[in-house]
Amino acid sequence: MSDILNLIRKVGESEKARQSIIVFIKENQRNIKLYIHGGLSKVFWIRPQEEGFYEVILQNNKIKNISKVDDDAPEIYDFLENRRKINMVLCRSVSDSDWLAIPENYESAEQIGIVGAQIVSRCDNCSYFDHVVCSITDDHTLVFFEIDYTYTNDIIEEMRIKFLEARENFNKNIEMQLSPLHQEALTLAAAEIEYLIEEREAERKKVAAERRIEMRRTVEGRIRLSLEETGAKLNSFVVRRNLIDVSWNSESGINYHSVLQAQDLNVVSAGLCLAGGDKAFDLTSLVGVVHEGERTRQVHRY
């Protein structure tokens, strides 16, 4: 009974008290939930002229005044700093300052009621794949707080992969009441991510090809390339006029010494029994035979 009486008393006090509250209101938002004195909440109907931060004055449990607050005002920072936070990864811009984003950590996001792709507001001067810290308002609107610069390029690459996984669950995102505009944005973002990944893969292949061309100009480079193609590893080599004595490890870690011709890396002495057929192999084919022999336990070294 005493708890009920205390609750009634708090309601009465809140109705008489004057209270100033900072809120963030979306352009198409028509109601807000405010926590009044005593920890009680109430939904108020509103008609904001534009999206942004507002100061709401409550008195007698009613909105007495609502006025726009500049984004750079110190009370806005205090408001955002005191909200719960979540890390999001920006995927695609859907307006001047709103971005479609996915949670950096799905498990922690679900624990606070953030599921699937979300719109993050006030992302001025942001770019694709930025990791941002968002403040969560009482009505679960995500508002940009700051960029998280602790994430490295490697982590950003991991997030590209995560975004592809999110794209595969596109139908699930639609079920989460995404507007048609946001559905279209997610589709476009997926296409752009795919293009970026293809672009990165093409660049990787270009760099790899240039590296191979450069390595073929040296004896050591040609040896390394031949061994890399088969999964073996170079330990050392010594050039003796037109011959090369090469020490290398197979995939299983067994060490071999082979003598090769310097000009074309054809085998002079394999370093294991090939029944007199050493000269039928170059270094790449020799390693292939060794790996097969190790698997079938038919390798005999000397």
C-alpha atoms as a PDB file:
ATOM      1  CA  MET A   1       0.000   0.000   0.000  1.00  0.00           C
ATOM      2  CA  SER A   2       2.874   2.386   0.900  1.00  0.00           C
ATOM      3  CA  ASP A   3       4.428   1.846  -2.549  1.00  0.00           C
ATOM      4  CA  ILE A   4       1.187   2.869  -4.242  1.00  0.00           C
ATOM      5  CA  LEU A   5       0.904   5.959  -2.066  1.00  0.00           C
ATOM      6  CA  ASN A   6       4.506   6.931  -2.888  1.00  0.00           C
ATOM      7  CA  LEU A   7       3.764   6.530  -6.590  1.00  0.00           C
ATOM      8  CA  ILE A   8       0.684   8.748  -6.317  1.00  0.00           C
ATOM      9  CA  ARG A   9       2.729  11.353  -4.476  1.00  0.00           C
ATOM     10  CA  LYS A  10       5.430  11.324  -7.165  1.00  0.00           C
ATOM     11  CA  VAL A  11       2.825  11.762  -9.896  1.00  0.00           C
ATOM     12  CA  GLY A  12       1.371  14.733  -8.064  1.00  0.00           C
ATOM     13  CA  GLU A  13       4.771  16.322  -7.609  1.00  0.00           C
ATOM     14  CA  SER A  14       5.692  15.806 -11.254  1.00  0.00           C
ATOM     15  CA  GLU A  15       2.509  17.488 -12.450  1.00  0.00           C
ATOM     16  CA  LYS A  16       3.335  20.661 -10.519  1.00  0.00           C
ATOM     17  CA  ALA A  17       7.077  20.739 -11.216  1.00  0.00           C
ATOM     18  CA  ARG A  18       8.667  22.620 -14.102  1.00  0.00           C
ATOM     19  CA  GLN A  19      11.078  20.436 -16.029  1.00  0.00           C
ATOM     20  CA  SER A  20      13.482  21.081 -18.934  1.00  0.00           C
ATOM     21  CA  ILE A  21      14.351  18.084 -21.134  1.00  0.00           C
ATOM     22  CA  ILE A  22      16.636  17.843 -24.195  1.00  0.00           C
ATOM     23  CA  VAL A  23      15.348  15.503 -26.923  1.00  0.00           C
ATOM     24  CA  PHE A  24      16.264  14.576 -30.480  1.00  0.00           C
ATOM     25  CA  ILE A  25      13.291  14.530 -32.853  1.00  0.00           C
ATOM     26  CA  LYS A  26      13.180  13.061 -36.348  1.00  0.00           C
ATOM     27  CA  GLU A  27      11.549  15.024 -39.159  1.00  0.00           C
ATOM     28  CA  ASN A  28       8.636  12.621 -39.526  1.00  0.00           C
ATOM     29  CA  GLN A  29       8.298  11.875 -35.818  1.00  0.00           C
ATOM     30  CA  ARG A  30       4.880  12.491 -34.316  1.00  0.00           C
ATOM     31  CA  ASN A  31       5.347  11.527 -30.671  1.00  0.00           C
ATOM     32  CA  ILE A  32       8.061  11.372 -28.057  1.00  0.00           C
ATOM     33  CA  LYS A  33       8.386   9.484 -24.797  1.00  0.00           C
ATOM     34  CA  LEU A  34       9.699  11.646 -21.995  1.00  0.00           C
ATOM     35  CA  TYR A  35      10.727  10.663 -18.497  1.00  0.00           C
ATOM     36  CA  ILE A  36       9.215  13.082 -16.032  1.00  0.00           C
ATOM     37  CA  HIS A  37      10.084  13.592 -12.375  1.00  0.00           C
ATOM     38  CA  GLY A  38      10.075  10.412 -10.325  1.00  0.00           C
ATOM     39  CA  GLY A  39      11.203   8.162 -13.175  1.00  0.00           C
ATOM     40  CA  LEU A  40       7.751   8.014 -14.769  1.00  0.00           C
ATOM     41  CA  SER A  41       7.380   8.164 -18.544  1.00  0.00           C
ATOM     42  CA  LYS A  42       4.679   9.666 -20.727  1.00  0.00           C
ATOM     43  CA  VAL A  43       4.131   9.869 -24.475  1.00  0.00           C
ATOM     44  CA  PHE A  44       3.517  13.351 -25.911  1.00  0.00           C
ATOM     45  CA  TRP A  45       2.235  14.136 -29.407  1.00  0.00           C
ATOM     46  CA  ILE A  46       4.352  16.664 -31.322  1.00  0.00           C
ATOM     47  CA  ARG A  47       4.766  18.251 -34.760  1.00  0.00           C
ATOM     48  CA  PRO A  48       8.393  19.283 -35.260  1.00  0.00           C
ATOM     49  CA  GLN A  49       9.141  21.709 -38.079  1.00  0.00           C
ATOM     50  CA  GLU A  50      12.453  20.012 -38.828  1.00  0.00           C
ATOM     51  CA  GLU A  51      14.749  17.295 -37.540  1.00  0.00           C
ATOM     52  CA  GLY A  52      17.091  18.178 -34.714  1.00  0.00           C
ATOM     53  CA  PHE A  53      17.575  18.792 -31.015  1.00  0.00           C
ATOM     54  CA  TYR A  54      14.851  20.504 -28.998  1.00  0.00           C
ATOM     55  CA  GLU A  55      14.412  21.717 -25.458  1.00  0.00           C
ATOM     56  CA  VAL A  56      11.043  20.671 -24.091  1.00  0.00           C
ATOM     57  CA  ILE A  57       9.620  22.532 -21.085  1.00  0.00           C
ATOM     58  CA  LEU A  58       7.134  20.452 -19.085  1.00  0.00           C
ATOM     59  CA  GLN A  59       4.822  21.903 -16.477  1.00  0.00           C
ATOM     60  CA  ASN A  60       1.722  20.427 -14.929  1.00  0.00           C
ATOM     61  CA  ASN A  61       2.538  17.243 -16.840  1.00  0.00           C
ATOM     62  CA  LYS A  62       2.097  19.043 -20.179  1.00  0.00           C
ATOM     63  CA  ILE A  63       4.396  20.537 -22.789  1.00  0.00           C
ATOM     64  CA  LYS A  64       4.504  24.262 -22.043  1.00  0.00           C
ATOM     65  CA  ASN A  65       7.133  25.109 -24.639  1.00  0.00           C
ATOM     66  CA  ILE A  66       9.325  23.378 -27.223  1.00  0.00           C
ATOM     67  CA  SER A  67      12.217  25.178 -28.929  1.00  0.00           C
ATOM     68  CA  LYS A  68      15.029  24.257 -31.314  1.00  0.00           C
ATOM     69  CA  VAL A  69      18.554  23.974 -29.846  1.00  0.00           C
ATOM     70  CA  ASP A  70      21.730  24.486 -31.880  1.00  0.00           C
ATOM     71  CA  ASP A  71      23.709  21.284 -32.537  1.00  0.00           C
ATOM     72  CA  ASP A  72      26.881  22.831 -31.091  1.00  0.00           C
ATOM     73  CA  ALA A  73      25.306  23.863 -27.792  1.00  0.00           C
ATOM     74  CA  PRO A  74      27.116  22.348 -24.752  1.00  0.00           C
ATOM     75  CA  GLU A  75      23.893  20.842 -23.407  1.00  0.00           C
ATOM     76  CA  ILE A  76      23.637  18.755 -26.596  1.00  0.00           C
ATOM     77  CA  TYR A  77      27.009  17.135 -25.900  1.00  0.00           C
ATOM     78  CA  ASP A  78      25.934  16.463 -22.308  1.00  0.00           C
ATOM     79  CA  PHE A  79      22.689  14.950 -23.567  1.00  0.00           C
ATOM     80  CA  LEU A  80      24.477  12.589 -25.995  1.00  0.00           C
ATOM     81  CA  GLU A  81      27.276  11.728 -23.573  1.00  0.00           C
ATOM     82  CA  ASN A  82      24.806  10.534 -20.924  1.00  0.00           C
ATOM     83  CA  ARG A  83      22.895   8.235 -23.299  1.00  0.00           C
ATOM     84  CA  ARG A  84      23.606   4.533 -23.756  1.00  0.00           C
ATOM     85  CA  LYS A  85      26.095   3.883 -26.560  1.00  0.00           C
ATOM     86  CA  ILE A  86      26.427   1.441 -29.423  1.00  0.00           C
ATOM     87  CA  ASN A  87      29.124   1.052 -32.099  1.00  0.00           C
ATOM     88  CA  MET A  88      27.817   1.038 -35.668  1.00  0.00           C
ATOM     89  CA  VAL A  89      29.444   0.759 -39.099  1.00  0.00           C
ATOM     90  CA  LEU A  90      28.180   3.193 -41.736  1.00  0.00           C
ATOM     91  CA  CYS A  91      27.132   1.584 -45.017  1.00  0.00           C
ATOM     92  CA  ARG A  92      25.364   4.170 -47.163  1.00  0.00           C
ATOM     93  CA  SER A  93      24.122   7.735 -46.946  1.00  0.00           C
ATOM     94  CA  VAL A  94      20.327   8.054 -47.213  1.00  0.00           C
ATOM     95  CA  SER A  95      20.131  11.847 -46.809  1.00  0.00           C
ATOM     96  CA  ASP A  96      22.382  14.819 -46.076  1.00  0.00           C
ATOM     97  CA  SER A  97      23.305  13.537 -42.629  1.00  0.00           C
ATOM     98  CA  ASP A  98      21.490  10.216 -42.145  1.00  0.00           C
ATOM     99  CA  TRP A  99      23.316   6.952 -42.808  1.00  0.00           C
ATOM    100  CA  LEU A 100      22.234   3.344 -43.012  1.00  0.00           C
ATOM    101  CA  ALA A 101      24.438   1.340 -40.639  1.00  0.00           C
ATOM    102  CA  ILE A 102      24.876  -2.128 -39.171  1.00  0.00           C
ATOM    103  CA  PRO A 103      25.951  -2.977 -35.598  1.00  0.00           C
ATOM    104  CA  GLU A 104      29.649  -3.619 -35.053  1.00  0.00           C
ATOM    105  CA  ASN A 105      28.718  -6.403 -32.627  1.00  0.00           C
ATOM    106  CA  TYR A 106      25.396  -8.130 -33.290  1.00  0.00           C
ATOM    107  CA  GLU A 107      25.195  -9.919 -29.944  1.00  0.00           C
ATOM    108  CA  SER A 108      25.644  -6.798 -27.821  1.00  0.00           C
ATOM    109  CA  ALA A 109      23.281  -4.875 -30.124  1.00  0.00           C
ATOM    110  CA  GLU A 110      20.502  -7.412 -29.680  1.00  0.00           C
ATOM    111  CA  GLN A 111      20.882  -7.202 -25.907  1.00  0.00           C
ATOM    112  CA  ILE A 112      19.873  -3.535 -25.986  1.00  0.00           C
ATOM    113  CA  GLY A 113      17.140  -3.970 -28.582  1.00  0.00           C
ATOM    114  CA  ILE A 114      19.041  -2.891 -31.725  1.00  0.00           C
ATOM    115  CA  VAL A 115      18.452  -5.522 -34.421  1.00  0.00           C
ATOM    116  CA  GLY A 116      19.540  -5.433 -38.059  1.00  0.00           C
ATOM    117  CA  ALA A 117      20.242  -2.386 -40.201  1.00  0.00           C
ATOM    118  CA  GLN A 118      19.477   0.982 -38.580  1.00  0.00           C
ATOM    119  CA  ILE A 119      19.433   4.661 -39.512  1.00  0.00           C
ATOM    120  CA  VAL A 120      21.993   6.825 -37.702  1.00  0.00           C
ATOM    121  CA  SER A 121      21.199  10.546 -37.609  1.00  0.00           C
ATOM    122  CA  ARG A 122      23.513  13.575 -37.665  1.00  0.00           C
ATOM    123  CA  CYS A 123      26.439  11.849 -39.398  1.00  0.00           C
ATOM    124  CA  ASP A 124      27.936  15.011 -40.864  1.00  0.00           C
ATOM    125  CA  ASN A 125      31.378  14.669 -42.487  1.00  0.00           C
ATOM    126  CA  CYS A 126      31.260  10.863 -42.273  1.00  0.00           C
ATOM    127  CA  SER A 127      32.234   8.332 -44.941  1.00  0.00           C
ATOM    128  CA  TYR A 128      31.693   4.723 -45.955  1.00  0.00           C
ATOM    129  CA  PHE A 129      32.727   2.110 -43.372  1.00  0.00           C
ATOM    130  CA  ASP A 130      33.399   4.678 -40.665  1.00  0.00           C
ATOM    131  CA  HIS A 131      33.043   3.125 -37.220  1.00  0.00           C
ATOM    132  CA  VAL A 132      30.916   5.500 -35.197  1.00  0.00           C
ATOM    133  CA  VAL A 133      29.778   5.623 -31.600  1.00  0.00           C
ATOM    134  CA  CYS A 134      26.046   6.333 -31.431  1.00  0.00           C
ATOM    135  CA  SER A 135      23.927   7.562 -28.549  1.00  0.00           C
ATOM    136  CA  ILE A 136      20.577   5.812 -28.085  1.00  0.00           C
ATOM    137  CA  THR A 137      17.663   8.080 -27.248  1.00  0.00           C
ATOM    138  CA  ASP A 138      14.750   6.989 -25.078  1.00  0.00           C
ATOM    139  CA  ASP A 139      12.734   6.114 -28.188  1.00  0.00           C
ATOM    140  CA  HIS A 140      15.651   4.075 -29.641  1.00  0.00           C
ATOM    141  CA  THR A 141      16.749   6.648 -32.223  1.00  0.00           C
ATOM    142  CA  LEU A 142      20.477   6.389 -32.983  1.00  0.00           C
ATOM    143  CA  VAL A 143      22.276   9.741 -33.005  1.00  0.00           C
ATOM    144  CA  PHE A 144      25.934  10.167 -34.024  1.00  0.00           C
ATOM    145  CA  PHE A 145      28.191  10.927 -31.053  1.00  0.00           C
ATOM    146  CA  GLU A 146      31.757  10.504 -32.328  1.00  0.00           C
ATOM    147  CA  ILE A 147      33.946   8.541 -34.756  1.00  0.00           C
ATOM    148  CA  ASP A 148      35.800   5.623 -33.215  1.00  0.00           C
ATOM    149  CA  TYR A 149      39.380   5.992 -34.468  1.00  0.00           C
ATOM    150  CA  THR A 150      40.614   2.893 -32.621  1.00  0.00           C
ATOM    151  CA  TYR A 151      39.603   0.655 -35.533  1.00  0.00           C
ATOM    152  CA  THR A 152      42.374  -0.316 -37.956  1.00  0.00           C
ATOM    153  CA  ASN A 153      42.166  -1.023 -41.678  1.00  0.00           C
ATOM    154  CA  ASP A 154      42.178  -4.744 -40.888  1.00  0.00           C
ATOM    155  CA  ILE A 155      39.052  -4.344 -38.782  1.00  0.00           C
ATOM    156  CA  ILE A 156      37.405  -2.300 -41.531  1.00  0.00           C
ATOM    157  CA  GLU A 157      38.116  -5.161 -43.939  1.00  0.00           C
ATOM    158  CA  GLU A 158      36.487  -7.561 -41.484  1.00  0.00           C
ATOM    159  CA  MET A 159      33.447  -5.298 -41.399  1.00  0.00           C
ATOM    160  CA  ARG A 160      33.177  -5.451 -45.185  1.00  0.00           C
ATOM    161  CA  ILE A 161      32.864  -9.209 -44.792  1.00  0.00           C
ATOM    162  CA  LYS A 162      30.282  -8.765 -42.047  1.00  0.00           C
ATOM    163  CA  PHE A 163      28.304  -6.457 -44.286  1.00  0.00           C
ATOM    164  CA  LEU A 164      28.168  -9.115 -46.980  1.00  0.00           C
ATOM    165  CA  GLU A 165      26.779 -11.471 -44.350  1.00  0.00           C
ATOM    166  CA  ALA A 166      24.193  -8.830 -43.451  1.00  0.00           C
ATOM    167  CA  ARG A 167      23.255  -8.516 -47.106  1.00  0.00           C
ATOM    168  CA  GLU A 168      22.555 -12.253 -47.223  1.00  0.00           C
ATOM    169  CA  ASN A 169      20.032 -11.674 -44.442  1.00  0.00           C
ATOM    170  CA  PHE A 170      18.359  -8.885 -46.424  1.00  0.00           C
ATOM    171  CA  ASN A 171      14.919 -10.439 -46.162  1.00  0.00           C
ATOM    172  CA  LYS A 172      15.219 -10.459 -42.383  1.00  0.00           C
ATOM    173  CA  ASN A 173      16.041  -6.746 -42.460  1.00  0.00           C
ATOM    174  CA  ILE A 174      12.900  -6.093 -44.501  1.00  0.00           C
ATOM    175  CA  GLU A 175      10.836  -7.872 -41.871  1.00  0.00           C
ATOM    176  CA  MET A 176      12.172  -5.377 -39.333  1.00  0.00           C
ATOM    177  CA  GLN A 177       9.934  -2.677 -40.818  1.00  0.00           C
ATOM    178  CA  LEU A 178      12.571  -0.894 -42.890  1.00  0.00           C
ATOM    179  CA  SER A 179      10.991   1.780 -45.049  1.00  0.00           C
ATOM    180  CA  PRO A 180      11.198   1.361 -48.865  1.00  0.00           C
ATOM    181  CA  LEU A 181      13.807   4.149 -48.922  1.00  0.00           C
ATOM    182  CA  HIS A 182      15.988   2.273 -46.462  1.00  0.00           C
ATOM    183  CA  GLN A 183      15.491  -1.035 -48.286  1.00  0.00           C
ATOM    184  CA  GLU A 184      16.684   0.621 -51.479  1.00  0.00           C
ATOM    185  CA  ALA A 185      19.656   2.112 -49.650  1.00  0.00           C
ATOM    186  CA  LEU A 186      20.645  -1.274 -48.271  1.00  0.00           C
ATOM    187  CA  THR A 187      20.461  -2.807 -51.750  1.00  0.00           C
ATOM    188  CA  LEU A 188      22.601  -0.022 -53.215  1.00  0.00           C
ATOM    189  CA  ALA A 189      25.070  -0.322 -50.348  1.00  0.00           C
ATOM    190  CA  ALA A 190      25.403  -4.049 -50.999  1.00  0.00           C
ATOM    191  CA  ALA A 191      26.145  -3.367 -54.668  1.00  0.00           C
ATOM    192  CA  GLU A 192      28.750  -0.762 -53.772  1.00  0.00           C
ATOM    193  CA  ILE A 193      30.408  -3.083 -51.249  1.00  0.00           C
ATOM    194  CA  GLU A 194      30.587  -5.799 -53.878  1.00  0.00           C
ATOM    195  CA  TYR A 195      32.176  -3.353 -56.321  1.00  0.00           C
ATOM    196  CA  LEU A 196      34.737  -2.256 -53.732  1.00  0.00           C
ATOM    197  CA  ILE A 197      35.654  -5.854 -52.939  1.00  0.00           C
ATOM    198  CA  GLU A 198      36.037  -6.670 -56.646  1.00  0.00           C
ATOM    199  CA  GLU A 199      38.155  -3.546 -57.021  1.00  0.00           C
ATOM    200  CA  ARG A 200      40.361  -4.574 -54.091  1.00  0.00           C
ATOM    201  CA  GLU A 201      40.687  -8.107 -55.485  1.00  0.00           C
ATOM    202  CA  ALA A 202      41.711  -6.730 -58.887  1.00  0.00           C
ATOM    203  CA  GLU A 203      44.286  -4.495 -57.178  1.00  0.00           C
ATOM    204  CA  ARG A 204      45.573  -7.472 -55.165  1.00  0.00           C
ATOM    205  CA  LYS A 205      45.994  -9.529 -58.347  1.00  0.00           C
ATOM    206  CA  LYS A 206      47.750  -6.615 -60.058  1.00  0.00           C
ATOM    207  CA  VAL A 207      50.198  -6.233 -57.158  1.00  0.00           C
ATOM    208  CA  ALA A 208      50.781 -10.000 -57.078  1.00  0.00           C
ATOM    209  CA  ALA A 209      51.492 -10.053 -60.824  1.00  0.00           C
ATOM    210  CA  GLU A 210      53.924  -7.131 -60.525  1.00  0.00           C
ATOM    211  CA  ARG A 211      55.627  -8.899 -57.624  1.00  0.00           C
ATOM    212  CA  ARG A 212      56.035 -12.076 -59.686  1.00  0.00           C
ATOM    213  CA  ILE A 213      57.561 -10.116 -62.569  1.00  0.00           C
ATOM    214  CA  GLU A 214      59.998  -8.450 -60.186  1.00  0.00           C
ATOM    215  CA  MET A 215      60.932 -11.746 -58.474  1.00  0.00           C
ATOM    216  CA  ARG A 216      61.649 -13.500 -61.778  1.00  0.00           C
ATOM    217  CA  ARG A 217      64.517 -11.073 -62.327  1.00  0.00           C
ATOM    218  CA  THR A 218      66.602 -12.696 -59.575  1.00  0.00           C
ATOM    219  CA  VAL A 219      67.702 -16.256 -58.865  1.00  0.00           C
ATOM    220  CA  GLU A 220      66.286 -16.136 -55.352  1.00  0.00           C
ATOM    221  CA  GLY A 221      62.977 -14.774 -56.625  1.00  0.00           C
ATOM    222  CA  ARG A 222      62.601 -17.577 -59.205  1.00  0.00           C
ATOM    223  CA  ILE A 223      63.334 -20.183 -56.550  1.00  0.00           C
ATOM    224  CA  ARG A 224      60.836 -18.674 -54.101  1.00  0.00           C
ATOM    225  CA  LEU A 225      58.115 -18.469 -56.760  1.00  0.00           C
ATOM    226  CA  SER A 226      58.649 -22.109 -57.746  1.00  0.00           C
ATOM    227  CA  LEU A 227      58.387 -23.222 -54.126  1.00  0.00           C
ATOM    228  CA  GLU A 228      55.399 -20.961 -53.316  1.00  0.00           C
ATOM    229  CA  GLU A 229      53.363 -22.544 -56.111  1.00  0.00           C
ATOM    230  CA  THR A 230      53.576 -25.893 -54.320  1.00  0.00           C
ATOM    231  CA  GLY A 231      53.451 -24.831 -50.656  1.00  0.00           C
ATOM    232  CA  ALA A 232      57.139 -25.543 -49.963  1.00  0.00           C
ATOM    233  CA  LYS A 233      59.480 -23.092 -48.218  1.00  0.00           C
ATOM    234  CA  LEU A 234      62.976 -21.915 -49.096  1.00  0.00           C
ATOM    235  CA  ASN A 235      65.598 -22.202 -46.352  1.00  0.00           C
ATOM    236  CA  SER A 236      68.769 -21.180 -48.165  1.00  0.00           C
ATOM    237  CA  PHE A 237      70.585 -21.443 -51.475  1.00  0.00           C
ATOM    238  CA  VAL A 238      74.158 -21.203 -52.733  1.00  0.00           C
ATOM    239  CA  VAL A 239      75.058 -20.378 -56.348  1.00  0.00           C
ATOM    240  CA  ARG A 240      78.000 -22.405 -57.682  1.00  0.00           C
ATOM    241  CA  ARG A 241      78.735 -21.091 -61.185  1.00  0.00           C
ATOM    242  CA  ASN A 242      75.895 -22.500 -63.317  1.00  0.00           C
ATOM    243  CA  LEU A 243      74.465 -24.629 -60.510  1.00  0.00           C
ATOM    244  CA  ILE A 244      72.419 -23.800 -57.388  1.00  0.00           C
ATOM    245  CA  ASP A 245      72.435 -25.835 -54.171  1.00  0.00           C
ATOM    246  CA  VAL A 246      68.985 -25.283 -52.618  1.00  0.00           C
ATOM    247  CA  SER A 247      67.844 -26.201 -49.100  1.00  0.00           C
ATOM    248  CA  TRP A 248      64.036 -26.283 -48.822  1.00  0.00           C
ATOM    249  CA  ASN A 249      61.273 -27.665 -46.593  1.00  0.00           C
ATOM    250  CA  SER A 250      58.256 -29.577 -47.845  1.00  0.00           C
ATOM    251  CA  GLU A 251      54.700 -28.908 -46.601  1.00  0.00           C
ATOM    252  CA  SER A 252      55.247 -31.458 -43.828  1.00  0.00           C
ATOM    253  CA  GLY A 253      58.420 -29.662 -42.692  1.00  0.00           C
ATOM    254  CA  ILE A 254      60.955 -32.225 -43.932  1.00  0.00           C
ATOM    255  CA  ASN A 255      64.185 -30.667 -45.172  1.00  0.00           C
ATOM    256  CA  TYR A 256      65.647 -31.481 -48.609  1.00  0.00           C
ATOM    257  CA  HIS A 257      68.797 -30.420 -50.492  1.00  0.00           C
ATOM    258  CA  SER A 258      68.568 -30.285 -54.289  1.00  0.00           C
ATOM    259  CA  VAL A 259      71.001 -29.167 -56.971  1.00  0.00           C
ATOM    260  CA  LEU A 260      69.481 -27.177 -59.857  1.00  0.00           C
ATOM    261  CA  GLN A 261      70.622 -25.566 -63.067  1.00  0.00           C
ATOM    262  CA  ALA A 262      70.808 -21.803 -62.516  1.00  0.00           C
ATOM    263  CA  GLN A 263      69.386 -20.906 -65.928  1.00  0.00           C
ATOM    264  CA  ASP A 264      66.037 -22.773 -65.805  1.00  0.00           C
ATOM    265  CA  LEU A 265      65.904 -24.423 -62.317  1.00  0.00           C
ATOM    266  CA  ASN A 266      65.867 -27.890 -63.895  1.00  0.00           C
ATOM    267  CA  VAL A 267      66.960 -30.625 -61.483  1.00  0.00           C
ATOM    268  CA  VAL A 268      70.505 -31.970 -61.599  1.00  0.00           C
ATOM    269  CA  SER A 269      70.298 -33.875 -58.306  1.00  0.00           C
ATOM    270  CA  ALA A 270      66.990 -34.131 -56.470  1.00  0.00           C
ATOM    271  CA  GLY A 271      68.438 -35.145 -53.107  1.00  0.00           C
ATOM    272  CA  LEU A 272      66.185 -38.191 -52.951  1.00  0.00           C
ATOM    273  CA  CYS A 273      65.824 -41.373 -54.963  1.00  0.00           C
ATOM    274  CA  LEU A 274      64.018 -40.815 -58.259  1.00  0.00           C
ATOM    275  CA  ALA A 275      65.368 -43.971 -59.931  1.00  0.00           C
ATOM    276  CA  GLY A 276      67.714 -41.955 -62.105  1.00  0.00           C
ATOM    277  CA  GLY A 277      64.999 -39.637 -63.378  1.00  0.00           C
ATOM    278  CA  ASP A 278      66.197 -36.444 -61.671  1.00  0.00           C
ATOM    279  CA  LYS A 279      66.739 -34.505 -64.879  1.00  0.00           C
ATOM    280  CA  ALA A 280      63.118 -35.002 -65.947  1.00  0.00           C
ATOM    281  CA  PHE A 281      61.993 -32.472 -63.344  1.00  0.00           C
ATOM    282  CA  ASP A 282      62.255 -28.787 -62.645  1.00  0.00           C
ATOM    283  CA  LEU A 283      61.989 -27.447 -59.084  1.00  0.00           C
ATOM    284  CA  THR A 284      58.187 -27.051 -59.135  1.00  0.00           C
ATOM    285  CA  SER A 285      57.476 -30.543 -60.455  1.00  0.00           C
ATOM    286  CA  LEU A 286      60.106 -32.011 -58.087  1.00  0.00           C
ATOM    287  CA  VAL A 287      58.323 -30.553 -55.060  1.00  0.00           C
ATOM    288  CA  GLY A 288      55.030 -31.917 -56.349  1.00  0.00           C
ATOM    289  CA  VAL A 289      56.498 -35.406 -56.589  1.00  0.00           C
ATOM    290  CA  VAL A 290      58.000 -35.104 -53.091  1.00  0.00           C
ATOM    291  CA  HIS A 291      54.668 -34.081 -51.569  1.00  0.00           C
ATOM    292  CA  GLU A 292      52.928 -37.006 -53.235  1.00  0.00           C
ATOM    293  CA  GLY A 293      55.698 -39.359 -52.114  1.00  0.00           C
ATOM    294  CA  GLU A 294      55.411 -38.142 -48.522  1.00  0.00           C
ATOM    295  CA  ARG A 295      51.651 -38.737 -48.551  1.00  0.00           C
ATOM    296  CA  THR A 296      52.150 -42.273 -49.868  1.00  0.00           C
ATOM    297  CA  ARG A 297      55.273 -42.919 -47.743  1.00  0.00           C
ATOM    298  CA  GLN A 298      57.393 -43.628 -50.828  1.00  0.00           C
ATOM    299  CA  VAL A 299      60.065 -40.941 -50.416  1.00  0.00           C
ATOM    300  CA  HIS A 300      63.621 -42.185 -49.900  1.00  0.00           C
ATOM    301  CA  ARG A 301      66.274 -39.527 -49.355  1.00  0.00           C
ATOM    302  CA  TYR A 302      70.055 -39.922 -49.671  1.00  0.00           C
END
